[in-house]
Amino acid sequence: MSSILNFIEGYMDGNSWEELCVQCYRLRYQNDNYTAIPATQGGDAGIEGFTNKGIVHQCYCPERSYSDQVLYEHQRDKLTTDIEKLKNNATRLSALGVPTVVEWHYNIPEYKDSRILVHAETKRQEILKAKKDNPAGFTHIADDFKIVIKTAEDFKPEISRIIRTNLTDMQLNLAIEHSDEPDWSKCDSEKTANIRRKIKAVMLVDDDNDEALNDVIGIYVSCYISGLELMGDLRINFPEFYDDIFKLEQSYKRDVKLKTRMNTDKKMNGALFNDILSDFQSKLERDFSRLTVASIGELKQDLIASWLADCSMEFRS
């Protein structure tokens, strides 16, 4: 199963990650009066925002791709710095209206070293000990205070909604790198036979050894396999996108069935197939502006492959 980060086009910098996190918290905690804190006019006091239930959060995104060790070190040092701000900013937090802090969320795109969890627990224990030693100086920290690591995976529904409803400039990249030779074992013989029969009808080729024919069949078998994987990933990571795509695909599949069944001239198979490709791409571009150009192409070919593999698309032979 792919990480949700694999679908976000381009590298996310600190500002875009912070903006995305704030939008996620607005959506998830809107009933808890989530309030974002701009990092101006005296600073953000070490947090990006807070809820009326005592949840606060702080974001960090690495400047570039690091090795696992270096990434851990950066995440560890940033957590340490920001927890110190939380400890020392009681007056500032109170002035902003932040209630007693029950949970401090550390928002990072991902982590690859479990030591960050150990470090977070160490810092939590340090704060609780400091509170025990000096109760008057830590009235802004709850007795059951927690530090929680939150990654992009924890906000799949919110990120999906944010991108889908154009609340961000981010785009989804669904393009999959295809191998030169498909894994035929992942496409059962019946599906492969359907693809072969229909491509032969489109290309008007009878020779099963025709090189061009077998190249095209291989491409569509690969697309069929990747389509199964892609739709599965979308269903998990971007369920609303999945539902939108599924509804369009089901609706258009009926049109495809009618168009291909009603064609009585096999010489028109190729033109009809190309018209379906072009028309379906136009519909995808119209309805899914948040997808990259490569994603539109991937979806088009993957779904066309599924119609070739089942009984939706049938050509006169």
Foldseek 3Di string as FASTA:
>chain_A
DDDLVVFWPDDDAQVNLLVLVLLLCCVVCVVQVKDAADLDDPGRLLFGIAGNVQETEHEDEDHDDDDQVVVLVVLLVSVVVSLVSVLPCPVVCVVVVRAQHAEYEYEYQDHDDCVSVVSQVVSVVVSLVVCVVPVVSRVSHDNNHHYHYDHPRNRLASSLVCLLVVVDLIFTELFDDFDQAAPCVLADPLLLVLLLVLLCLLVVHDDPPDPVSVSVSRVLSRLQSSLVVSLVVCCSRNVVVSVVLVVVLVVVLQVQQVQQVPDPDSVCSNVSVVVSLVVQLVVCCVNRVRHDPSRSVSSSSSSVSVCSSDPSHDHDD
